[in-house]
C-alpha atoms as a PDB file:
ATOM      1  CA  PRO A   1     110.426 -22.230 -39.296  1.00  0.00           C
ATOM      2  CA  ASP A   2     110.413 -20.391 -42.608  1.00  0.00           C
ATOM      3  CA  PRO A   3     108.910 -16.888 -42.499  1.00  0.00           C
ATOM      4  CA  LEU A   4     105.152 -16.771 -42.952  1.00  0.00           C
ATOM      5  CA  SER A   5     104.126 -14.211 -45.567  1.00  0.00           C
ATOM      6  CA  ILE A   6     101.127 -11.938 -45.183  1.00  0.00           C
ATOM      7  CA  ASN A   7      99.828 -13.160 -48.561  1.00  0.00           C
ATOM      8  CA  SER A   8      99.749 -16.762 -47.314  1.00  0.00           C
ATOM      9  CA  THR A   9      97.413 -15.723 -44.475  1.00  0.00           C
ATOM     10  CA  THR A  10      94.959 -13.484 -46.316  1.00  0.00           C
ATOM     11  CA  GLY A  11      91.754 -14.728 -47.848  1.00  0.00           C
ATOM     12  CA  VAL A  12      88.417 -16.214 -46.939  1.00  0.00           C
ATOM     13  CA  TRP A  13      88.854 -19.358 -44.852  1.00  0.00           C
ATOM     14  CA  GLU A  14      85.974 -21.815 -44.370  1.00  0.00           C
ATOM     15  CA  GLY A  15      86.444 -24.198 -41.497  1.00  0.00           C
ATOM     16  CA  VAL A  16      85.200 -26.122 -38.532  1.00  0.00           C
ATOM     17  CA  TYR A  17      86.316 -26.277 -34.907  1.00  0.00           C
ATOM     18  CA  THR A  18      85.352 -28.466 -31.995  1.00  0.00           C
ATOM     19  CA  GLN A  19      83.765 -27.151 -28.825  1.00  0.00           C
ATOM     20  CA  ASN A  20      82.344 -29.357 -26.083  1.00  0.00           C
ATOM     21  CA  GLY A  21      82.174 -32.320 -28.470  1.00  0.00           C
ATOM     22  CA  GLU A  22      80.325 -30.397 -31.204  1.00  0.00           C
ATOM     23  CA  PHE A  23      81.557 -29.359 -34.648  1.00  0.00           C
ATOM     24  CA  ILE A  24      81.110 -25.610 -35.177  1.00  0.00           C
ATOM     25  CA  ASN A  25      81.398 -24.120 -38.692  1.00  0.00           C
ATOM     26  CA  PHE A  26      83.045 -20.734 -39.164  1.00  0.00           C
ATOM     27  CA  THR A  27      84.186 -18.342 -41.870  1.00  0.00           C
ATOM     28  CA  MET A  28      87.264 -16.192 -41.290  1.00  0.00           C
ATOM     29  CA  ARG A  29      88.141 -13.307 -43.620  1.00  0.00           C
ATOM     30  CA  VAL A  30      91.759 -12.186 -43.164  1.00  0.00           C
ATOM     31  CA  GLU A  31      92.823  -8.951 -44.876  1.00  0.00           C
ATOM     32  CA  ALA A  32      96.006  -6.888 -45.058  1.00  0.00           C
ATOM     33  CA  LYS A  33      95.976  -3.103 -45.272  1.00  0.00           C
ATOM     34  CA  ARG A  34      99.329  -1.351 -45.358  1.00  0.00           C
ATOM     35  CA  LYS A  35     100.969  -4.637 -44.251  1.00  0.00           C
ATOM     36  CA  ARG A  36      98.752  -4.854 -41.137  1.00  0.00           C
ATOM     37  CA  LEU A  37      96.464  -7.831 -40.722  1.00  0.00           C
ATOM     38  CA  SER A  38      92.850  -7.768 -39.566  1.00  0.00           C
ATOM     39  CA  ALA A  39      90.137 -10.399 -39.550  1.00  0.00           C
ATOM     40  CA  ARG A  40      86.372 -10.785 -39.415  1.00  0.00           C
ATOM     41  CA  VAL A  41      84.734 -14.012 -38.283  1.00  0.00           C
ATOM     42  CA  ASP A  42      81.256 -15.467 -38.806  1.00  0.00           C
ATOM     43  CA  ILE A  43      80.024 -18.394 -36.680  1.00  0.00           C
ATOM     44  CA  PRO A  44      76.455 -19.022 -37.920  1.00  0.00           C
ATOM     45  CA  GLN A  45      75.575 -21.687 -35.307  1.00  0.00           C
ATOM     46  CA  LEU A  46      76.306 -19.143 -32.552  1.00  0.00           C
ATOM     47  CA  LYS A  47      74.643 -16.261 -34.450  1.00  0.00           C
ATOM     48  CA  VAL A  48      78.023 -14.488 -34.670  1.00  0.00           C
ATOM     49  CA  LYS A  49      78.315 -12.396 -37.838  1.00  0.00           C
ATOM     50  CA  ASN A  50      81.157 -10.235 -39.122  1.00  0.00           C
ATOM     51  CA  ILE A  51      82.853  -9.794 -35.728  1.00  0.00           C
ATOM     52  CA  SER A  52      86.163  -7.926 -35.877  1.00  0.00           C
ATOM     53  CA  HIS A  53      89.250  -9.793 -34.628  1.00  0.00           C
ATOM     54  CA  LYS A  54      92.878  -8.781 -34.149  1.00  0.00           C
ATOM     55  CA  ALA A  55      95.239 -10.669 -36.435  1.00  0.00           C
ATOM     56  CA  LYS A  56      99.024 -10.988 -36.412  1.00  0.00           C
ATOM     57  CA  ILE A  57     101.916 -13.240 -37.308  1.00  0.00           C
ATOM     58  CA  CYS A  58     103.848 -14.140 -34.149  1.00  0.00           C
ATOM     59  CA  ARG A  59     107.582 -14.757 -33.763  1.00  0.00           C
ATOM     60  CA  GLY A  60     106.907 -18.488 -34.062  1.00  0.00           C
ATOM     61  CA  GLN A  61     105.553 -17.816 -37.585  1.00  0.00           C
ATOM     62  CA  GLU A  62     101.934 -18.672 -36.775  1.00  0.00           C
ATOM     63  CA  LEU A  63      98.804 -16.698 -37.560  1.00  0.00           C
ATOM     64  CA  HIS A  64      96.919 -15.519 -34.448  1.00  0.00           C
ATOM     65  CA  VAL A  65      93.312 -14.298 -34.831  1.00  0.00           C
ATOM     66  CA  GLU A  66      91.800 -13.120 -31.541  1.00  0.00           C
ATOM     67  CA  ASN A  67      88.694 -11.414 -30.216  1.00  0.00           C
ATOM     68  CA  THR A  68      88.328 -10.326 -26.600  1.00  0.00           C
ATOM     69  CA  SER A  69      85.063  -9.280 -24.989  1.00  0.00           C
ATOM     70  CA  ILE A  70      84.393  -8.157 -21.423  1.00  0.00           C
ATOM     71  CA  ASP A  71      84.330 -11.646 -19.922  1.00  0.00           C
ATOM     72  CA  SER A  72      85.893 -13.978 -22.497  1.00  0.00           C
ATOM     73  CA  SER A  73      88.119 -14.354 -25.540  1.00  0.00           C
ATOM     74  CA  ILE A  74      88.562 -16.691 -28.479  1.00  0.00           C
ATOM     75  CA  GLU A  75      91.856 -17.124 -30.345  1.00  0.00           C
ATOM     76  CA  PHE A  76      92.600 -19.166 -33.476  1.00  0.00           C
ATOM     77  CA  ILE A  77      96.289 -20.121 -33.894  1.00  0.00           C
ATOM     78  CA  ALA A  78      97.662 -21.903 -36.967  1.00  0.00           C
ATOM     79  CA  ARG A  79     100.222 -21.835 -39.749  1.00  0.00           C
ATOM     80  CA  PRO A  80      98.593 -21.697 -43.202  1.00  0.00           C
ATOM     81  CA  LYS A  81     100.098 -24.124 -45.708  1.00  0.00           C
ATOM     82  CA  GLU A  82     100.962 -23.422 -49.342  1.00  0.00           C
ATOM     83  CA  ASN A  83      98.103 -25.673 -50.458  1.00  0.00           C
ATOM     84  CA  GLY A  84      95.556 -23.254 -48.941  1.00  0.00           C
ATOM     85  CA  THR A  85      94.726 -25.230 -45.814  1.00  0.00           C
ATOM     86  CA  MET A  86      95.475 -24.716 -42.154  1.00  0.00           C
ATOM     87  CA  SER A  87      94.864 -26.612 -38.982  1.00  0.00           C
ATOM     88  CA  GLY A  88      95.595 -25.499 -35.476  1.00  0.00           C
ATOM     89  CA  ARG A  89      94.141 -24.792 -32.108  1.00  0.00           C
ATOM     90  CA  VAL A  90      91.384 -22.526 -30.890  1.00  0.00           C
ATOM     91  CA  ILE A  91      91.649 -21.266 -27.320  1.00  0.00           C
ATOM     92  CA  PHE A  92      88.659 -20.121 -25.274  1.00  0.00           C
ATOM     93  CA  ARG A  93      89.476 -18.029 -22.197  1.00  0.00           C
ATOM     94  CA  GLN A  94      87.010 -17.006 -19.499  1.00  0.00           C
ATOM     95  CA  ASN A  95      87.541 -13.971 -17.288  1.00  0.00           C
ATOM     96  CA  GLY A  96      87.510 -16.207 -14.214  1.00  0.00           C
ATOM     97  CA  GLY A  97      90.637 -17.949 -15.486  1.00  0.00           C
ATOM     98  CA  GLY A  98      89.148 -20.959 -17.239  1.00  0.00           C
ATOM     99  CA  ILE A  99      90.921 -21.987 -20.440  1.00  0.00           C
ATOM    100  CA  THR A 100      89.729 -24.564 -22.979  1.00  0.00           C
ATOM    101  CA  GLU A 101      91.774 -25.637 -26.011  1.00  0.00           C
ATOM    102  CA  GLU A 102      90.166 -27.267 -29.016  1.00  0.00           C
ATOM    103  CA  VAL A 103      91.238 -27.901 -32.631  1.00  0.00           C
ATOM    104  CA  PHE A 104      90.213 -26.468 -35.988  1.00  0.00           C
ATOM    105  CA  THR A 105      90.810 -26.961 -39.696  1.00  0.00           C
ATOM    106  CA  ALA A 106      90.121 -24.511 -42.516  1.00  0.00           C
ATOM    107  CA  LYS A 107      90.505 -24.204 -46.277  1.00  0.00           C
ATOM    108  CA  ARG A 108      90.994 -20.973 -48.184  1.00  0.00           C
ATOM    109  CA  THR A 109      87.989 -20.605 -50.482  1.00  0.00           C
ATOM    110  CA  ALA A 110      88.774 -17.151 -51.891  1.00  0.00           C
ATOM    111  CA  LEU A 111      91.675 -14.742 -52.124  1.00  0.00           C
ATOM    112  CA  VAL A 112      91.475 -11.194 -50.772  1.00  0.00           C
ATOM    113  CA  ALA A 113      93.548  -8.438 -52.365  1.00  0.00           C
ATOM    114  CA  SER A 114      96.015  -6.685 -50.075  1.00  0.00           C
ATOM    115  CA  LYS A 115      95.741  -2.899 -49.894  1.00  0.00           C
END
């Protein structure tokens, strides 16, 4: 695939993912500082606000946004498109080894300046 630029990943992304048959709204803010990506995610339905996530572009040219806690993790994986949308998968991992994969879609609603 063509290289994925940092600028194509940064911004405020409003989206929805599925989990156990429900639609869950989220907001993801992806920023670049000195060419390093970071992200913050809000999931109002789960009372999650401004949680810091690791963000990177992998060798497969996809954006990975991940947060790991003591007993679980959540990871969004997608390739943003030039039209300001992305769709991909969200992976939930439990410490006991359980893995659930769901899908998400998001639209960039605001740009964020790189620093």
